[in-house]
Amino acid sequence: MDYKEDLREALRVLREGGVILYPTDTIWGLGCDATSKEAVEKIFEIKKRKESQSLIILVNGVTMLERYVREVPETASRITELSGGPVTIIYPRGRNLAPGVCAEDGSVGIRITRDDFCNELISLFRKPIVSTSANISTKPSPPDFSGIEESIIDSVAYVVRYRRGDRKKYAPSPIIRTEIDGSFKIIRQ
């Protein structure tokens, strides 16, 4: 199966409300339609995670970002521009997303992906995609595909083939919480 077939199959599953296992600009992730309550519930079931814990989503650029947050703090824009690699920003007020994606305070973690596969998939899907680590919540995030548990692989509707053989060790992105007043806090380095 080639890259384009992977995109077609992943897109089909996302449109049907299913969950995919896919490579991101950081670690492998479990993904679904971030606007679908039913799809998001499947992610929580797979991860054995409480719905009170919010999820990170991927968007393909600022235009899409602005559809899912009420306001983009200037600090967030500067952090994104200056970051040398992937960075997840927590925005104060998310919108137009499924329950469980935003935290109880209404904030939402979003990363503008720089990965070609993710960008193409999101552009075709035309909605944000959940990107949560491919593990059970209490266990460490696998640094590459070979570290993903069989139970996770077996629980999704589609496993992307692209980059499965990549043995480079990836790490989760830094997470920075931003506020409208310009303040920010580093949550994870």
C-alpha atoms as a PDB file:
ATOM      1  CA  MET A   1       0.000   0.000   0.000  1.00  0.00           C
ATOM      2  CA  ASP A   2       1.380   3.388  -0.897  1.00  0.00           C
ATOM      3  CA  TYR A   3       1.158   6.799   0.788  1.00  0.00           C
ATOM      4  CA  LYS A   4      -1.897   7.915  -1.235  1.00  0.00           C
ATOM      5  CA  GLU A   5      -3.790   4.702  -0.444  1.00  0.00           C
ATOM      6  CA  ASP A   6      -2.993   5.249   3.231  1.00  0.00           C
ATOM      7  CA  LEU A   7      -4.455   8.752   2.981  1.00  0.00           C
ATOM      8  CA  ARG A   8      -7.610   7.440   1.276  1.00  0.00           C
ATOM      9  CA  GLU A   9      -8.181   4.692   3.853  1.00  0.00           C
ATOM     10  CA  ALA A  10      -7.483   6.955   6.837  1.00  0.00           C
ATOM     11  CA  LEU A  11      -9.818   9.577   5.393  1.00  0.00           C
ATOM     12  CA  ARG A  12     -12.564   6.993   4.851  1.00  0.00           C
ATOM     13  CA  VAL A  13     -12.323   5.841   8.485  1.00  0.00           C
ATOM     14  CA  LEU A  14     -12.331   9.413   9.823  1.00  0.00           C
ATOM     15  CA  ARG A  15     -15.425  10.256   7.758  1.00  0.00           C
ATOM     16  CA  GLU A  16     -17.169   7.122   9.088  1.00  0.00           C
ATOM     17  CA  GLY A  17     -16.483   8.154  12.694  1.00  0.00           C
ATOM     18  CA  GLY A  18     -13.752   5.591  13.302  1.00  0.00           C
ATOM     19  CA  VAL A  19     -10.372   5.746  15.003  1.00  0.00           C
ATOM     20  CA  ILE A  20      -7.042   5.553  13.185  1.00  0.00           C
ATOM     21  CA  LEU A  21      -3.518   4.846  14.402  1.00  0.00           C
ATOM     22  CA  TYR A  22      -1.176   7.194  12.557  1.00  0.00           C
ATOM     23  CA  PRO A  23       2.277   8.813  12.595  1.00  0.00           C
ATOM     24  CA  THR A  24       2.330  12.492  13.538  1.00  0.00           C
ATOM     25  CA  ASP A  25       5.010  15.158  13.648  1.00  0.00           C
ATOM     26  CA  THR A  26       5.913  13.723  17.072  1.00  0.00           C
ATOM     27  CA  ILE A  27       4.894  10.248  18.279  1.00  0.00           C
ATOM     28  CA  TRP A  28       2.340   7.798  16.837  1.00  0.00           C
ATOM     29  CA  GLY A  29      -1.178   8.854  17.708  1.00  0.00           C
ATOM     30  CA  LEU A  30      -4.731   7.688  17.983  1.00  0.00           C
ATOM     31  CA  GLY A  31      -6.841   9.947  15.819  1.00  0.00           C
ATOM     32  CA  CYS A  32     -10.457  10.680  15.071  1.00  0.00           C
ATOM     33  CA  ASP A  33     -12.785  13.487  14.058  1.00  0.00           C
ATOM     34  CA  ALA A  34     -12.334  16.082  16.821  1.00  0.00           C
ATOM     35  CA  THR A  35     -15.876  17.352  16.189  1.00  0.00           C
ATOM     36  CA  SER A  36     -17.604  13.967  16.643  1.00  0.00           C
ATOM     37  CA  LYS A  37     -18.795  13.060  20.149  1.00  0.00           C
ATOM     38  CA  GLU A  38     -19.053   9.355  19.261  1.00  0.00           C
ATOM     39  CA  ALA A  39     -15.565   9.206  17.728  1.00  0.00           C
ATOM     40  CA  VAL A  40     -14.011  10.995  20.714  1.00  0.00           C
ATOM     41  CA  GLU A  41     -15.751   8.557  23.090  1.00  0.00           C
ATOM     42  CA  LYS A  42     -14.063   5.682  21.223  1.00  0.00           C
ATOM     43  CA  ILE A  43     -10.649   7.259  21.901  1.00  0.00           C
ATOM     44  CA  PHE A  44     -11.399   7.425  25.645  1.00  0.00           C
ATOM     45  CA  GLU A  45     -12.475   3.767  25.597  1.00  0.00           C
ATOM     46  CA  ILE A  46      -9.320   2.626  23.780  1.00  0.00           C
ATOM     47  CA  LYS A  47      -7.021   4.572  26.111  1.00  0.00           C
ATOM     48  CA  LYS A  48      -9.028   3.612  29.222  1.00  0.00           C
ATOM     49  CA  ARG A  49      -8.935   7.312  30.013  1.00  0.00           C
ATOM     50  CA  LYS A  50     -11.331   9.483  31.993  1.00  0.00           C
ATOM     51  CA  GLU A  51     -13.364  11.858  29.874  1.00  0.00           C
ATOM     52  CA  SER A  52     -12.411  14.676  32.246  1.00  0.00           C
ATOM     53  CA  GLN A  53      -8.901  14.606  30.714  1.00  0.00           C
ATOM     54  CA  SER A  54      -8.814  16.738  27.578  1.00  0.00           C
ATOM     55  CA  LEU A  55      -7.256  15.754  24.249  1.00  0.00           C
ATOM     56  CA  ILE A  56      -4.796  17.413  21.872  1.00  0.00           C
ATOM     57  CA  ILE A  57      -5.930  18.120  18.333  1.00  0.00           C
ATOM     58  CA  LEU A  58      -4.024  18.777  15.126  1.00  0.00           C
ATOM     59  CA  VAL A  59      -4.878  21.482  12.607  1.00  0.00           C
ATOM     60  CA  ASN A  60      -3.195  22.292   9.303  1.00  0.00           C
ATOM     61  CA  GLY A  61      -2.758  26.045   9.758  1.00  0.00           C
ATOM     62  CA  VAL A  62      -3.879  29.289  11.335  1.00  0.00           C
ATOM     63  CA  THR A  63      -7.097  29.500   9.288  1.00  0.00           C
ATOM     64  CA  MET A  64      -8.325  26.164  10.668  1.00  0.00           C
ATOM     65  CA  LEU A  65      -7.059  27.036  14.153  1.00  0.00           C
ATOM     66  CA  GLU A  66      -9.192  30.182  14.229  1.00  0.00           C
ATOM     67  CA  ARG A  67     -12.365  28.132  13.603  1.00  0.00           C
ATOM     68  CA  TYR A  68     -11.796  26.136  16.802  1.00  0.00           C
ATOM     69  CA  VAL A  69     -10.663  28.776  19.324  1.00  0.00           C
ATOM     70  CA  ARG A  70     -12.490  31.949  20.311  1.00  0.00           C
ATOM     71  CA  GLU A  71      -9.321  34.034  20.337  1.00  0.00           C
ATOM     72  CA  VAL A  72      -5.661  33.448  19.509  1.00  0.00           C
ATOM     73  CA  PRO A  73      -3.449  35.193  22.076  1.00  0.00           C
ATOM     74  CA  GLU A  74      -0.544  37.094  20.510  1.00  0.00           C
ATOM     75  CA  THR A  75       1.790  35.056  22.737  1.00  0.00           C
ATOM     76  CA  ALA A  76       0.578  31.832  21.097  1.00  0.00           C
ATOM     77  CA  SER A  77       1.274  33.202  17.623  1.00  0.00           C
ATOM     78  CA  ARG A  78       4.818  34.210  18.622  1.00  0.00           C
ATOM     79  CA  ILE A  79       5.556  30.853  20.285  1.00  0.00           C
ATOM     80  CA  THR A  80       4.368  28.980  17.182  1.00  0.00           C
ATOM     81  CA  GLU A  81       6.448  31.191  14.859  1.00  0.00           C
ATOM     82  CA  LEU A  82       9.613  30.889  16.960  1.00  0.00           C
ATOM     83  CA  SER A  83       9.448  27.191  17.791  1.00  0.00           C
ATOM     84  CA  GLY A  84      12.068  25.101  16.063  1.00  0.00           C
ATOM     85  CA  GLY A  85       9.863  22.030  16.114  1.00  0.00           C
ATOM     86  CA  PRO A  86       6.378  20.820  16.991  1.00  0.00           C
ATOM     87  CA  VAL A  87       4.775  22.634  19.927  1.00  0.00           C
ATOM     88  CA  THR A  88       1.304  22.205  21.394  1.00  0.00           C
ATOM     89  CA  ILE A  89      -0.372  25.377  22.582  1.00  0.00           C
ATOM     90  CA  ILE A  90      -3.220  25.361  25.083  1.00  0.00           C
ATOM     91  CA  TYR A  91      -5.662  28.075  24.057  1.00  0.00           C
ATOM     92  CA  PRO A  92      -8.018  29.563  26.674  1.00  0.00           C
ATOM     93  CA  ARG A  93     -11.335  28.979  24.919  1.00  0.00           C
ATOM     94  CA  GLY A  94     -12.021  26.225  22.409  1.00  0.00           C
ATOM     95  CA  ARG A  95     -15.172  26.001  20.308  1.00  0.00           C
ATOM     96  CA  ASN A  96     -16.912  23.819  17.713  1.00  0.00           C
ATOM     97  CA  LEU A  97     -15.337  20.652  19.164  1.00  0.00           C
ATOM     98  CA  ALA A  98     -16.796  17.440  20.577  1.00  0.00           C
ATOM     99  CA  PRO A  99     -17.325  17.104  24.333  1.00  0.00           C
ATOM    100  CA  GLY A 100     -14.173  15.737  25.948  1.00  0.00           C
ATOM    101  CA  VAL A 101     -11.785  17.502  23.583  1.00  0.00           C
ATOM    102  CA  CYS A 102     -11.710  20.707  25.614  1.00  0.00           C
ATOM    103  CA  ALA A 103     -10.772  20.710  29.302  1.00  0.00           C
ATOM    104  CA  GLU A 104     -13.391  21.458  31.954  1.00  0.00           C
ATOM    105  CA  ASP A 105     -12.289  25.126  31.947  1.00  0.00           C
ATOM    106  CA  GLY A 106     -12.950  25.340  28.182  1.00  0.00           C
ATOM    107  CA  SER A 107      -9.292  25.383  27.148  1.00  0.00           C
ATOM    108  CA  VAL A 108      -7.993  23.212  24.313  1.00  0.00           C
ATOM    109  CA  GLY A 109      -4.555  21.904  23.289  1.00  0.00           C
ATOM    110  CA  ILE A 110      -3.839  22.414  19.583  1.00  0.00           C
ATOM    111  CA  ARG A 111      -0.776  21.812  17.448  1.00  0.00           C
ATOM    112  CA  ILE A 112      -0.364  23.208  13.964  1.00  0.00           C
ATOM    113  CA  THR A 113       1.242  20.185  12.368  1.00  0.00           C
ATOM    114  CA  ARG A 114       4.254  20.456  10.109  1.00  0.00           C
ATOM    115  CA  ASP A 115       4.130  16.812   9.061  1.00  0.00           C
ATOM    116  CA  ASP A 116       3.338  16.230   5.359  1.00  0.00           C
ATOM    117  CA  PHE A 117       1.124  13.178   5.939  1.00  0.00           C
ATOM    118  CA  CYS A 118      -0.890  14.863   8.709  1.00  0.00           C
ATOM    119  CA  ASN A 119      -1.226  18.100   6.762  1.00  0.00           C
ATOM    120  CA  GLU A 120      -2.517  16.283   3.706  1.00  0.00           C
ATOM    121  CA  LEU A 121      -4.939  14.173   5.741  1.00  0.00           C
ATOM    122  CA  ILE A 122      -6.309  17.190   7.615  1.00  0.00           C
ATOM    123  CA  SER A 123      -6.588  19.209   4.392  1.00  0.00           C
ATOM    124  CA  LEU A 124      -8.618  16.411   2.765  1.00  0.00           C
ATOM    125  CA  PHE A 125     -10.744  15.890   5.896  1.00  0.00           C
ATOM    126  CA  ARG A 126     -11.267  19.636   6.365  1.00  0.00           C
ATOM    127  CA  LYS A 127     -11.577  19.265  10.140  1.00  0.00           C
ATOM    128  CA  PRO A 128      -9.163  18.906  13.052  1.00  0.00           C
ATOM    129  CA  ILE A 129      -8.038  15.442  14.074  1.00  0.00           C
ATOM    130  CA  VAL A 130      -7.502  14.228  17.626  1.00  0.00           C
ATOM    131  CA  SER A 131      -3.881  13.360  18.313  1.00  0.00           C
ATOM    132  CA  THR A 132      -3.411  11.488  21.548  1.00  0.00           C
ATOM    133  CA  SER A 133      -0.545   9.107  22.249  1.00  0.00           C
ATOM    134  CA  ALA A 134      -1.032   5.497  21.149  1.00  0.00           C
ATOM    135  CA  ASN A 135      -1.014   3.952  24.611  1.00  0.00           C
ATOM    136  CA  ILE A 136      -3.209   3.096  27.589  1.00  0.00           C
ATOM    137  CA  SER A 137      -3.392   6.248  29.740  1.00  0.00           C
ATOM    138  CA  THR A 138      -1.298   4.967  32.639  1.00  0.00           C
ATOM    139  CA  LYS A 139       1.530   3.668  30.435  1.00  0.00           C
ATOM    140  CA  PRO A 140       4.404   5.548  28.748  1.00  0.00           C
ATOM    141  CA  SER A 141       4.092   6.830  25.187  1.00  0.00           C
ATOM    142  CA  PRO A 142       5.845   4.552  22.670  1.00  0.00           C
ATOM    143  CA  PRO A 143       8.686   6.355  20.827  1.00  0.00           C
ATOM    144  CA  ASP A 144       8.028   4.485  17.556  1.00  0.00           C
ATOM    145  CA  PHE A 145       5.537   2.071  15.987  1.00  0.00           C
ATOM    146  CA  SER A 146       7.278  -1.059  17.311  1.00  0.00           C
ATOM    147  CA  GLY A 147       6.504   0.006  20.898  1.00  0.00           C
ATOM    148  CA  ILE A 148       2.729   0.180  20.434  1.00  0.00           C
ATOM    149  CA  GLU A 149       0.820  -2.537  22.295  1.00  0.00           C
ATOM    150  CA  GLU A 150      -1.159  -5.071  20.237  1.00  0.00           C
ATOM    151  CA  SER A 151      -4.327  -4.195  22.160  1.00  0.00           C
ATOM    152  CA  ILE A 152      -4.098  -0.623  20.840  1.00  0.00           C
ATOM    153  CA  ILE A 153      -3.407  -1.790  17.275  1.00  0.00           C
ATOM    154  CA  ASP A 154      -6.339  -4.230  17.422  1.00  0.00           C
ATOM    155  CA  SER A 155      -8.746  -1.586  18.769  1.00  0.00           C
ATOM    156  CA  VAL A 156      -8.626   0.869  15.841  1.00  0.00           C
ATOM    157  CA  ALA A 157     -10.422   0.770  12.491  1.00  0.00           C
ATOM    158  CA  TYR A 158      -7.289   1.539  10.459  1.00  0.00           C
ATOM    159  CA  VAL A 159      -3.523   1.451  11.051  1.00  0.00           C
ATOM    160  CA  VAL A 160      -1.567   3.683   8.694  1.00  0.00           C
ATOM    161  CA  ARG A 161       1.322   1.829   7.011  1.00  0.00           C
ATOM    162  CA  TYR A 162       3.363   4.947   6.257  1.00  0.00           C
ATOM    163  CA  ARG A 163       6.395   5.269   8.570  1.00  0.00           C
ATOM    164  CA  ARG A 164       5.805   1.989  10.435  1.00  0.00           C
ATOM    165  CA  GLY A 165       9.408   0.989   9.753  1.00  0.00           C
ATOM    166  CA  ASP A 166      10.831   4.325  10.943  1.00  0.00           C
ATOM    167  CA  ARG A 167      12.919   3.539  14.044  1.00  0.00           C
ATOM    168  CA  LYS A 168      13.813   7.129  14.889  1.00  0.00           C
ATOM    169  CA  LYS A 169      12.784   7.731  18.499  1.00  0.00           C
ATOM    170  CA  TYR A 170      10.194  10.513  18.695  1.00  0.00           C
ATOM    171  CA  ALA A 171       9.034  12.363  21.801  1.00  0.00           C
ATOM    172  CA  PRO A 172       5.779  14.120  22.637  1.00  0.00           C
ATOM    173  CA  SER A 173       5.757  17.843  21.887  1.00  0.00           C
ATOM    174  CA  PRO A 174       6.305  20.548  24.484  1.00  0.00           C
ATOM    175  CA  ILE A 175       3.014  21.962  25.782  1.00  0.00           C
ATOM    176  CA  ILE A 176       2.626  25.658  26.583  1.00  0.00           C
ATOM    177  CA  ARG A 177      -0.517  27.156  28.088  1.00  0.00           C
ATOM    178  CA  THR A 178      -1.327  30.684  26.885  1.00  0.00           C
ATOM    179  CA  GLU A 179      -3.764  33.248  28.231  1.00  0.00           C
ATOM    180  CA  ILE A 180      -5.509  36.190  26.569  1.00  0.00           C
ATOM    181  CA  ASP A 181      -3.536  38.634  28.772  1.00  0.00           C
ATOM    182  CA  GLY A 182      -0.282  37.437  27.163  1.00  0.00           C
ATOM    183  CA  SER A 183       0.914  35.282  30.037  1.00  0.00           C
ATOM    184  CA  PHE A 184       2.019  31.710  29.436  1.00  0.00           C
ATOM    185  CA  LYS A 185       3.146  28.658  31.376  1.00  0.00           C
ATOM    186  CA  ILE A 186       5.243  25.692  30.230  1.00  0.00           C
ATOM    187  CA  ILE A 187       3.269  22.527  31.027  1.00  0.00           C
ATOM    188  CA  ARG A 188       5.641  19.978  29.434  1.00  0.00           C
ATOM    189  CA  GLN A 189       9.116  20.594  28.011  1.00  0.00           C
END
